[in-house]
Amino acid sequence: MKNVLFVSLGCDKNLVDSEKMLGLLNEAGYRVAQEESEADAIVVNTCCFIHDAKEESVETILEMAEWKKKGRLKALIVTGCMAQRYQDEIQQEIPEVDAVIGTTGYTEIVPILDEILAEAEASQKEAAVEEPKEKSFVNCCPSIDLLPASLADKRVVTTGGYTAYLKIAEGCNKRCTYCIIPYIRGHYRSFPMEDLLEEARKLAEGGVKELILIAQETTVYGMDCYGRKALPELLTKLCEIEGIEWIRILYCYPEEITDELIAVMKKEKKICHYLDIPIQHSEDTILKRMGRRTNRAELVSLVEKLRKEIPDIVLRTTLITGFPGETEEEFKNMVDFVDSMEFDRLGVFPYSAEEGTKAAEMDGQITEEVKESRRDEIMALQQEISADKAASRIDDEMSVLIEGYLYEDDIYIGRTYMDAPKVDGNVFVRAEEELISGDIVPVRITGANEYDLMGDVIYADEFTE
């Protein structure tokens, strides 16, 4: 039995691809390695969305390549966005890499790995009697507009067993001027609803309680294959699946949020009152140069509408500072916007000029120092907003999904509906009885800091006091 180590970088959409590759390898008899020293093969699933992600991917590939020189490692495969975008460069610059598999080719992981390991074993035998042949290089980068098989029954969940991502579509049609995704992930393709429901049922049977819907854009799900925005219908059917208790929606473009979606969120109790709405900027001039399809007035109107219709909704967004041509006045206006909107969750990224995008060729490129300074100013303001919002939760009673236990502090860690994993805050929970990861328990909030809450489990006898 051969051991495979997986390194999954980048976004949660990439993670789903990694989990499906792991499932295929597991079915084929491969075993997952925990350490590089145990691995016969290493797969690095890469990201190259922004400069920092590219750097991390390159550094990780080079680090894994070092294990080729130490003897046991026979195969190094690079998959995902960087493999798709820089396939030729990887082959030329990193000879230790045996194969690249693009964003739609991951279903071929097993035959490719079988081929590489078989060649490595044959080469090893030949080396004992003659000069070994030059190794072959496998390039599996089919069209980025293919829709890979859903592999609903193959997937190995790596997010704890009680939380899982459900990728409902591939690619994007928006073509924002700063974004490389359409060039490495293709046009928007929705997965068939029946496949998604089957995958969700399999996840629920495996113990998943929180289902997180993801895509480059979730709100236009179904437009390509059903001719309508079918996200509300998909959500309604997902809510019927036994075992799923929380459904969370990420990556909702503001201009695509419909009254029907809002109505389903209000009606279905399993859907978390949480929306991730990446707006990227507040100023009309910048939004237009970004290729975005909203303006400031529409963004304000949407936020007001969501808060009126769903009073306890938690809104998360992301912004970009230092986009080409962003003036000091435009930046200050965005600061005022953040101050007045008081988003519950907010992340800020300094603009990253990506080769091949329109924005990278625009005049008015801004220095890294200014981009980062502007990012820091907004994050300092958001920290104050977050602290005030967290403090307002003290004495509230909330359901908390338990995710682990901190032995040194004798305290459990979990999340409420207000927090998506990896990007938002936590709740630190004291309990008199043992809790199990995946439990959803009632908690009274007793304390707060800028991003996290503290609380005590509420026991049944407390309800009757």
Protein backbone atom coordinates (compact mmCIF):
# COMPACT_ATOMS: atom_id res chain seq x y z
CA MET A 1 0.00 0.00 0.00
CA LYS A 2 1.37 3.42 -1.02
CA ASN A 3 1.20 6.48 1.21
CA VAL A 4 0.08 9.87 -0.15
CA LEU A 5 0.49 13.20 1.62
CA PHE A 6 -1.94 15.95 0.61
CA VAL A 7 -1.25 19.66 1.01
CA SER A 8 -4.31 21.79 0.18
CA LEU A 9 -3.72 25.53 -0.16
CA GLY A 10 -6.03 28.46 -0.86
CA CYS A 11 -9.79 28.66 -0.60
CA ASP A 12 -12.48 26.28 0.59
CA LYS A 13 -13.44 25.63 -3.05
CA ASN A 14 -9.97 24.19 -3.55
CA LEU A 15 -10.38 22.14 -0.37
CA VAL A 16 -13.44 20.40 -1.82
CA ASP A 17 -11.37 19.36 -4.86
CA SER A 18 -8.70 18.00 -2.49
CA GLU A 19 -11.29 16.01 -0.55
CA LYS A 20 -12.62 14.46 -3.75
CA MET A 21 -9.11 13.52 -4.88
CA LEU A 22 -8.51 11.96 -1.47
CA GLY A 23 -11.68 9.96 -1.88
CA LEU A 24 -10.59 8.61 -5.26
CA LEU A 25 -7.16 7.69 -3.90
CA ASN A 26 -8.67 6.03 -0.85
CA GLU A 27 -10.94 3.94 -3.07
CA ALA A 28 -7.91 2.91 -5.15
CA GLY A 29 -6.10 1.61 -2.07
CA TYR A 30 -3.80 4.50 -1.28
CA ARG A 31 -3.30 5.46 2.35
CA VAL A 32 -3.11 9.06 3.60
CA ALA A 33 0.29 9.94 5.09
CA GLN A 34 0.54 12.34 8.02
CA GLU A 35 4.22 13.25 7.60
CA GLU A 36 6.40 13.99 4.59
CA SER A 37 8.88 11.33 5.71
CA GLU A 38 6.16 8.65 5.37
CA ALA A 39 5.04 9.65 1.88
CA ASP A 40 5.62 7.74 -1.34
CA ALA A 41 3.77 10.56 -3.13
CA ILE A 42 2.89 14.16 -2.32
CA VAL A 43 0.09 16.15 -3.92
CA VAL A 44 0.11 19.94 -3.55
CA ASN A 45 -3.23 21.52 -4.47
CA THR A 46 -2.27 25.11 -5.20
CA CYS A 47 -3.74 28.61 -5.26
CA CYS A 48 -2.58 31.62 -7.28
CA PHE A 49 -5.44 34.08 -6.76
CA ILE A 50 -3.18 36.86 -5.46
CA HIS A 51 0.57 37.37 -5.13
CA ASP A 52 0.80 36.08 -1.56
CA ALA A 53 -1.06 32.90 -2.53
CA LYS A 54 1.34 32.32 -5.43
CA GLU A 55 4.31 32.76 -3.13
CA GLU A 56 2.90 30.28 -0.63
CA SER A 57 2.24 27.76 -3.40
CA VAL A 58 5.75 28.05 -4.87
CA GLU A 59 7.40 27.81 -1.44
CA THR A 60 5.34 24.74 -0.58
CA ILE A 61 6.17 22.98 -3.85
CA LEU A 62 9.88 23.68 -3.36
CA GLU A 63 9.72 22.47 0.24
CA MET A 64 8.05 19.22 -0.84
CA ALA A 65 10.55 18.83 -3.71
CA GLU A 66 13.35 18.57 -1.16
CA TRP A 67 11.90 15.23 -0.04
CA LYS A 68 12.59 13.83 -3.50
CA LYS A 69 16.29 14.12 -2.68
CA LYS A 70 15.94 12.18 0.56
CA GLY A 71 15.02 8.89 -1.01
CA ARG A 72 11.52 7.63 -0.26
CA LEU A 73 9.41 10.16 -2.16
CA LYS A 74 8.75 8.89 -5.67
CA ALA A 75 6.04 11.22 -6.96
CA LEU A 76 5.35 14.94 -6.61
CA ILE A 77 2.15 16.20 -8.25
CA VAL A 78 0.99 19.82 -8.45
CA THR A 79 -2.74 20.38 -8.90
CA GLY A 80 -5.19 23.29 -8.86
CA CYS A 81 -4.96 26.90 -9.95
CA MET A 82 -1.19 27.28 -10.20
CA ALA A 83 -0.92 24.01 -12.12
CA GLN A 84 -3.51 25.34 -14.56
CA ARG A 85 -1.99 28.76 -14.97
CA TYR A 86 1.75 28.00 -14.90
CA GLN A 87 1.96 24.43 -16.20
CA ASP A 88 4.91 25.08 -18.52
CA GLU A 89 6.84 27.12 -15.96
CA ILE A 90 6.44 24.41 -13.32
CA GLN A 91 7.78 21.76 -15.70
CA GLN A 92 10.77 23.90 -16.68
CA GLU A 93 11.67 25.41 -13.30
CA ILE A 94 10.95 22.59 -10.83
CA PRO A 95 12.21 19.30 -12.30
CA GLU A 96 11.23 17.37 -9.18
CA VAL A 97 7.56 17.77 -10.15
CA ASP A 98 6.27 14.73 -12.03
CA ALA A 99 2.84 15.98 -13.09
CA VAL A 100 0.55 18.97 -13.20
CA ILE A 101 -3.21 18.51 -13.01
CA GLY A 102 -5.36 21.54 -13.85
CA THR A 103 -8.56 22.78 -12.26
CA THR A 104 -10.82 20.38 -14.20
CA GLY A 105 -8.48 17.39 -14.35
CA TYR A 106 -8.48 16.27 -10.72
CA THR A 107 -10.70 13.25 -11.43
CA GLU A 108 -7.65 11.69 -13.16
CA ILE A 109 -5.50 11.70 -10.02
CA VAL A 110 -5.47 7.89 -9.60
CA PRO A 111 -4.32 6.79 -13.08
CA ILE A 112 -1.75 9.60 -13.16
CA LEU A 113 -0.30 8.65 -9.78
CA ASP A 114 -0.35 4.94 -10.68
CA GLU A 115 1.61 5.74 -13.85
CA ILE A 116 4.21 7.87 -12.09
CA LEU A 117 4.85 5.35 -9.31
CA ALA A 118 5.05 2.45 -11.77
CA GLU A 119 7.61 4.36 -13.84
CA ALA A 120 9.59 5.24 -10.72
CA GLU A 121 9.74 1.59 -9.65
CA ALA A 122 10.78 0.47 -13.13
CA SER A 123 13.43 3.16 -13.28
CA GLN A 124 14.78 2.07 -9.91
CA LYS A 125 15.19 -1.50 -11.15
CA GLU A 126 16.81 -0.35 -14.40
CA ALA A 127 19.28 1.81 -12.49
CA ALA A 128 20.80 -1.31 -10.98
CA VAL A 129 21.81 -2.69 -14.39
CA GLU A 130 21.89 0.24 -16.83
CA GLU A 131 21.59 4.01 -17.21
CA PRO A 132 18.03 5.02 -16.15
CA LYS A 133 15.82 6.64 -18.79
CA GLU A 134 14.77 10.25 -18.53
CA LYS A 135 11.49 10.44 -16.60
CA SER A 136 8.34 11.50 -18.38
CA PHE A 137 6.23 14.48 -17.32
CA VAL A 138 2.43 14.25 -17.15
CA ASN A 139 0.42 17.32 -18.10
CA CYS A 140 -3.29 16.88 -17.42
CA CYS A 141 -4.89 20.27 -18.02
CA PRO A 142 -8.10 19.73 -19.99
CA SER A 143 -10.42 22.59 -20.92
CA ILE A 144 -11.19 24.88 -18.01
CA ASP A 145 -14.81 24.91 -19.18
CA LEU A 146 -15.40 21.23 -18.51
CA LEU A 147 -17.60 20.33 -15.54
CA PRO A 148 -15.91 17.55 -13.53
CA ALA A 149 -17.95 14.63 -12.22
CA SER A 150 -19.55 15.42 -8.87
CA LEU A 151 -18.02 12.36 -7.12
CA ALA A 152 -20.71 12.63 -4.46
CA ASP A 153 -19.96 9.21 -2.99
CA LYS A 154 -16.15 9.42 -3.11
CA ARG A 155 -15.31 12.41 -0.96
CA VAL A 156 -13.23 12.26 2.25
CA VAL A 157 -14.26 15.14 4.54
CA THR A 158 -11.27 16.77 6.27
CA THR A 159 -13.08 19.52 8.21
CA GLY A 160 -13.87 17.63 11.40
CA GLY A 161 -16.77 15.47 10.26
CA TYR A 162 -19.57 17.79 11.42
CA THR A 163 -18.93 20.71 9.02
CA ALA A 164 -18.50 20.38 5.25
CA TYR A 165 -18.45 22.63 2.20
CA LEU A 166 -20.81 21.95 -0.70
CA LYS A 167 -19.42 23.42 -3.93
CA ILE A 168 -22.46 24.17 -6.07
CA ALA A 169 -20.75 25.60 -9.17
CA GLU A 170 -17.43 26.10 -10.92
CA GLY A 171 -16.00 29.20 -12.61
CA CYS A 172 -17.32 32.73 -13.02
CA ASN A 173 -18.81 34.94 -15.74
CA LYS A 174 -18.40 38.32 -14.02
CA ARG A 175 -14.85 39.08 -15.18
CA CYS A 176 -14.00 41.76 -12.65
CA THR A 177 -10.96 43.63 -13.92
CA TYR A 178 -8.70 42.57 -11.03
CA CYS A 179 -9.61 38.86 -11.00
CA ILE A 180 -7.83 35.95 -12.68
CA ILE A 181 -10.41 33.29 -11.73
CA PRO A 182 -12.28 33.11 -15.08
CA TYR A 183 -8.96 32.43 -16.81
CA ILE A 184 -8.07 29.46 -14.61
CA ARG A 185 -11.51 28.19 -13.53
CA GLY A 186 -13.52 28.88 -16.69
CA HIS A 187 -17.04 30.18 -17.24
CA TYR A 188 -19.81 29.60 -14.68
CA ARG A 189 -21.09 26.00 -14.58
CA SER A 190 -23.65 24.84 -12.02
CA PHE A 191 -23.52 21.28 -10.74
CA PRO A 192 -26.82 19.46 -11.32
CA MET A 193 -29.17 19.86 -8.37
CA GLU A 194 -29.75 16.11 -8.04
CA ASP A 195 -25.98 15.55 -7.70
CA LEU A 196 -25.71 18.22 -5.02
CA LEU A 197 -28.62 16.78 -3.06
CA GLU A 198 -27.08 13.32 -3.25
CA GLU A 199 -23.74 14.68 -2.06
CA ALA A 200 -25.44 16.53 0.81
CA ARG A 201 -27.29 13.35 1.84
CA LYS A 202 -24.02 11.42 1.86
CA LEU A 203 -22.42 14.12 3.98
CA ALA A 204 -25.33 14.06 6.43
CA GLU A 205 -25.11 10.26 6.67
CA GLY A 206 -21.43 10.74 7.59
CA GLY A 207 -22.32 13.03 10.49
CA VAL A 208 -22.17 16.47 8.90
CA LYS A 209 -24.44 18.97 10.68
CA GLU A 210 -23.30 22.25 9.13
CA LEU A 211 -23.38 22.55 5.35
CA ILE A 212 -21.64 25.57 3.83
CA LEU A 213 -22.60 26.45 0.25
CA ILE A 214 -19.73 27.78 -1.84
CA ALA A 215 -18.93 28.74 -5.44
CA GLN A 216 -17.15 31.66 -6.99
CA GLU A 217 -20.65 33.12 -6.86
CA THR A 218 -23.50 31.20 -5.22
CA THR A 219 -26.34 33.60 -6.02
CA VAL A 220 -26.54 32.83 -9.77
CA TYR A 221 -26.64 29.08 -9.26
CA GLY A 222 -28.77 27.45 -11.96
CA MET A 223 -28.80 30.29 -14.50
CA ASP A 224 -26.64 28.31 -16.94
CA CYS A 225 -28.51 24.99 -16.77
CA TYR A 226 -32.02 25.86 -15.55
CA GLY A 227 -32.39 29.37 -16.97
CA ARG A 228 -33.23 30.80 -13.55
CA LYS A 229 -31.66 31.55 -10.20
CA ALA A 230 -32.26 28.20 -8.53
CA LEU A 231 -30.44 28.82 -5.23
CA PRO A 232 -33.71 29.29 -3.27
CA GLU A 233 -35.02 25.98 -4.63
CA LEU A 234 -31.76 24.20 -3.82
CA LEU A 235 -31.80 25.60 -0.28
CA THR A 236 -35.38 24.48 0.27
CA LYS A 237 -34.53 20.92 -0.78
CA LEU A 238 -31.34 20.85 1.29
CA CYS A 239 -33.37 21.83 4.35
CA GLU A 240 -35.37 18.62 3.94
CA ILE A 241 -32.29 16.44 4.50
CA GLU A 242 -32.31 14.78 7.90
CA GLY A 243 -29.20 15.42 9.98
CA ILE A 244 -28.32 18.79 8.49
CA GLU A 245 -28.98 21.45 11.13
CA TRP A 246 -27.19 24.54 9.83
CA ILE A 247 -26.91 25.73 6.23
CA ARG A 248 -24.62 28.68 5.58
CA ILE A 249 -24.28 30.62 2.31
CA LEU A 250 -21.00 32.21 1.21
CA TYR A 251 -19.97 34.32 -1.80
CA CYS A 252 -23.25 36.11 -2.56
CA TYR A 253 -22.78 38.91 -5.07
CA PRO A 254 -24.89 41.87 -3.90
CA GLU A 255 -26.62 42.59 -7.22
CA GLU A 256 -27.87 38.98 -7.43
CA ILE A 257 -29.57 38.73 -4.01
CA THR A 258 -33.29 38.38 -4.72
CA ASP A 259 -36.45 38.77 -2.68
CA GLU A 260 -37.02 35.04 -3.19
CA LEU A 261 -33.68 34.23 -1.56
CA ILE A 262 -34.47 36.50 1.37
CA ALA A 263 -37.90 34.89 1.75
CA VAL A 264 -36.40 31.38 1.86
CA MET A 265 -33.87 32.48 4.46
CA LYS A 266 -36.69 33.84 6.60
CA LYS A 267 -38.85 30.73 6.19
CA GLU A 268 -36.37 27.87 6.60
CA LYS A 269 -35.10 27.49 10.16
CA LYS A 270 -32.00 25.54 9.14
CA ILE A 271 -30.59 28.41 7.07
CA CYS A 272 -28.23 30.53 9.15
CA HIS A 273 -29.10 34.22 9.18
CA TYR A 274 -25.65 34.95 7.79
CA LEU A 275 -24.61 36.19 4.37
CA ASP A 276 -21.14 36.68 2.95
CA ILE A 277 -21.45 39.53 0.43
CA PRO A 278 -18.13 40.58 -1.15
CA ILE A 279 -18.57 44.20 -2.24
CA GLN A 280 -14.84 45.11 -2.70
CA HIS A 281 -15.35 48.91 -2.54
CA SER A 282 -17.93 51.58 -1.80
CA GLU A 283 -17.16 54.30 -4.35
CA ASP A 284 -18.88 54.31 -7.73
CA THR A 285 -15.81 55.38 -9.69
CA ILE A 286 -13.71 52.53 -8.28
CA LEU A 287 -16.53 49.99 -8.57
CA LYS A 288 -16.90 50.87 -12.24
CA ARG A 289 -13.16 50.45 -12.88
CA MET A 290 -13.29 47.13 -11.04
CA GLY A 291 -16.02 45.94 -13.40
CA ARG A 292 -18.42 45.51 -10.50
CA ARG A 293 -22.16 45.75 -11.16
CA THR A 294 -23.35 47.74 -8.16
CA ASN A 295 -22.99 51.27 -6.83
CA ARG A 296 -22.86 52.76 -3.36
CA ALA A 297 -26.56 53.62 -3.20
CA GLU A 298 -27.54 50.07 -4.16
CA LEU A 299 -25.19 48.61 -1.55
CA VAL A 300 -26.65 50.80 1.19
CA SER A 301 -30.17 49.90 0.09
CA LEU A 302 -29.39 46.18 0.11
CA VAL A 303 -27.89 46.25 3.60
CA GLU A 304 -30.86 48.21 4.93
CA LYS A 305 -33.28 45.80 3.28
CA LEU A 306 -31.58 42.69 4.64
CA ARG A 307 -31.49 44.11 8.17
CA LYS A 308 -35.13 45.10 7.98
CA GLU A 309 -36.31 41.74 6.62
CA ILE A 310 -34.03 39.60 8.83
CA PRO A 311 -33.24 41.66 11.97
CA ASP A 312 -30.71 39.19 13.41
CA ILE A 313 -28.81 38.72 10.14
CA VAL A 314 -25.01 38.79 10.27
CA LEU A 315 -23.35 40.36 7.23
CA ARG A 316 -19.80 39.66 6.21
CA THR A 317 -17.98 41.48 3.41
CA THR A 318 -14.54 42.02 1.89
CA LEU A 319 -12.89 45.18 0.58
CA ILE A 320 -9.86 45.97 -1.55
CA THR A 321 -7.62 48.94 -0.75
CA GLY A 322 -5.26 50.63 -3.17
CA PHE A 323 -7.02 49.70 -6.40
CA PRO A 324 -5.36 51.55 -9.33
CA GLY A 325 -6.34 55.20 -9.26
CA GLU A 326 -7.89 55.12 -5.76
CA THR A 327 -7.53 58.67 -4.44
CA GLU A 328 -7.20 59.66 -0.82
CA GLU A 329 -10.71 61.12 -0.97
CA GLU A 330 -12.16 57.89 -2.36
CA PHE A 331 -10.42 55.93 0.36
CA LYS A 332 -11.72 58.26 3.11
CA ASN A 333 -15.21 57.89 1.67
CA MET A 334 -14.83 54.12 1.98
CA VAL A 335 -13.76 54.52 5.61
CA ASP A 336 -16.91 56.59 6.23
CA PHE A 337 -18.95 53.89 4.48
CA VAL A 338 -17.54 51.17 6.74
CA ASP A 339 -18.19 53.34 9.78
CA SER A 340 -21.82 53.93 8.83
CA MET A 341 -22.64 50.41 7.60
CA GLU A 342 -21.17 48.64 10.64
CA PHE A 343 -20.73 45.28 8.98
CA ASP A 344 -20.65 42.41 11.46
CA ARG A 345 -17.64 40.80 9.80
CA LEU A 346 -15.20 42.44 7.40
CA GLY A 347 -11.91 41.53 5.76
CA VAL A 348 -9.62 43.82 3.77
CA PHE A 349 -7.05 42.90 1.13
CA PRO A 350 -4.45 45.24 -0.39
CA TYR A 351 -4.90 45.22 -4.17
CA SER A 352 -2.74 42.63 -5.92
CA ALA A 353 -1.87 43.27 -9.59
CA GLU A 354 -2.34 39.95 -11.37
CA GLU A 355 -0.74 39.47 -14.76
CA GLY A 356 -3.27 39.02 -17.51
CA THR A 357 -5.95 41.16 -15.86
CA LYS A 358 -7.13 44.55 -17.10
CA ALA A 359 -6.47 46.21 -13.75
CA ALA A 360 -2.79 45.27 -13.84
CA GLU A 361 -2.42 47.45 -16.96
CA MET A 362 -4.30 50.44 -15.57
CA ASP A 363 -2.66 53.77 -14.84
CA GLY A 364 -2.41 54.96 -11.26
CA GLN A 365 -0.88 51.87 -9.63
CA ILE A 366 -0.44 52.50 -5.90
CA THR A 367 2.55 51.61 -3.73
CA GLU A 368 2.42 48.58 -1.43
CA GLU A 369 3.03 50.84 1.55
CA VAL A 370 -0.06 52.94 0.81
CA LYS A 371 -2.22 49.87 0.08
CA GLU A 372 -1.25 48.25 3.38
CA SER A 373 -1.61 51.47 5.36
CA ARG A 374 -5.13 51.91 4.04
CA ARG A 375 -5.91 48.27 4.82
CA ASP A 376 -4.69 48.72 8.38
CA GLU A 377 -6.78 51.85 8.91
CA ILE A 378 -10.00 50.12 7.90
CA MET A 379 -9.20 47.04 9.96
CA ALA A 380 -8.55 49.21 13.03
CA LEU A 381 -11.97 50.80 12.57
CA GLN A 382 -13.60 47.41 12.02
CA GLN A 383 -11.99 46.11 15.20
CA GLU A 384 -13.83 48.80 17.17
CA ILE A 385 -17.10 47.97 15.42
CA SER A 386 -16.60 44.26 16.08
CA ALA A 387 -15.80 44.86 19.74
CA ASP A 388 -19.00 46.87 20.24
CA LYS A 389 -21.09 44.23 18.46
CA ALA A 390 -19.52 41.41 20.47
CA ALA A 391 -20.11 43.25 23.76
CA SER A 392 -23.78 43.66 22.85
CA ARG A 393 -24.09 39.85 22.86
CA ILE A 394 -23.32 39.51 26.58
CA ASP A 395 -26.25 37.83 28.39
CA ASP A 396 -27.65 36.49 25.11
CA GLU A 397 -28.48 32.80 24.85
CA MET A 398 -27.08 31.26 21.66
CA SER A 399 -26.66 27.85 20.05
CA VAL A 400 -22.99 26.92 19.70
CA LEU A 401 -21.49 24.22 17.48
CA ILE A 402 -18.67 22.64 19.52
CA GLU A 403 -15.45 22.14 17.53
CA GLY A 404 -12.83 21.14 20.07
CA TYR A 405 -11.43 21.24 23.58
CA LEU A 406 -8.45 23.24 24.87
CA TYR A 407 -6.91 21.02 27.54
CA GLU A 408 -4.61 23.66 29.04
CA ASP A 409 -7.51 26.05 29.62
CA ASP A 410 -10.15 23.39 30.36
CA ILE A 411 -12.52 25.05 27.95
CA TYR A 412 -14.36 24.11 24.76
CA ILE A 413 -14.21 26.07 21.51
CA GLY A 414 -17.05 26.48 19.06
CA ARG A 415 -18.99 28.81 16.76
CA THR A 416 -22.44 30.36 16.57
CA TYR A 417 -24.48 30.94 13.40
CA MET A 418 -22.70 34.31 13.24
CA ASP A 419 -19.32 32.79 12.42
CA ALA A 420 -18.05 30.86 9.40
CA PRO A 421 -15.05 28.58 10.00
CA LYS A 422 -11.53 29.94 9.48
CA VAL A 423 -12.60 33.52 8.71
CA ASP A 424 -14.72 34.60 11.70
CA GLY A 425 -14.58 34.38 15.48
CA ASN A 426 -15.10 31.65 18.08
CA VAL A 427 -16.97 31.07 21.31
CA PHE A 428 -15.02 29.72 24.30
CA VAL A 429 -17.42 27.61 26.31
CA ARG A 430 -17.29 26.39 29.91
CA ALA A 431 -19.23 23.20 30.62
CA GLU A 432 -19.87 21.07 33.70
CA GLU A 433 -20.24 17.91 31.61
CA GLU A 434 -18.19 16.54 28.74
CA LEU A 435 -19.09 17.83 25.29
CA ILE A 436 -18.39 16.13 21.98
CA SER A 437 -17.19 17.93 18.86
CA GLY A 438 -20.21 18.36 16.63
CA ASP A 439 -22.62 18.91 19.52
CA ILE A 440 -24.83 22.00 19.20
CA VAL A 441 -25.47 23.28 22.72
CA PRO A 442 -27.25 26.28 24.28
CA VAL A 443 -24.80 28.80 25.74
CA ARG A 444 -25.25 32.00 27.75
CA ILE A 445 -22.70 34.60 26.64
CA THR A 446 -20.73 35.98 29.59
CA GLY A 447 -17.87 37.89 27.98
CA ALA A 448 -16.47 39.24 24.74
CA ASN A 449 -13.41 40.72 23.05
CA GLU A 450 -12.98 42.18 19.57
CA TYR A 451 -13.75 38.99 17.69
CA ASP A 452 -14.56 36.19 20.14
CA LEU A 453 -17.18 35.43 22.78
CA MET A 454 -17.09 33.54 26.09
CA GLY A 455 -19.98 31.66 27.64
CA ASP A 456 -21.39 28.88 29.83
CA VAL A 457 -23.49 25.92 28.75
CA ILE A 458 -27.11 26.26 29.82
CA TYR A 459 -28.42 23.05 31.37
CA ALA A 460 -32.03 21.86 31.41
CA ASP A 461 -32.62 22.68 35.07
CA GLU A 462 -31.71 26.30 34.40
CA PHE A 463 -34.68 26.65 32.03
CA THR A 464 -37.10 25.88 34.87
CA GLU A 465 -35.70 28.36 37.37
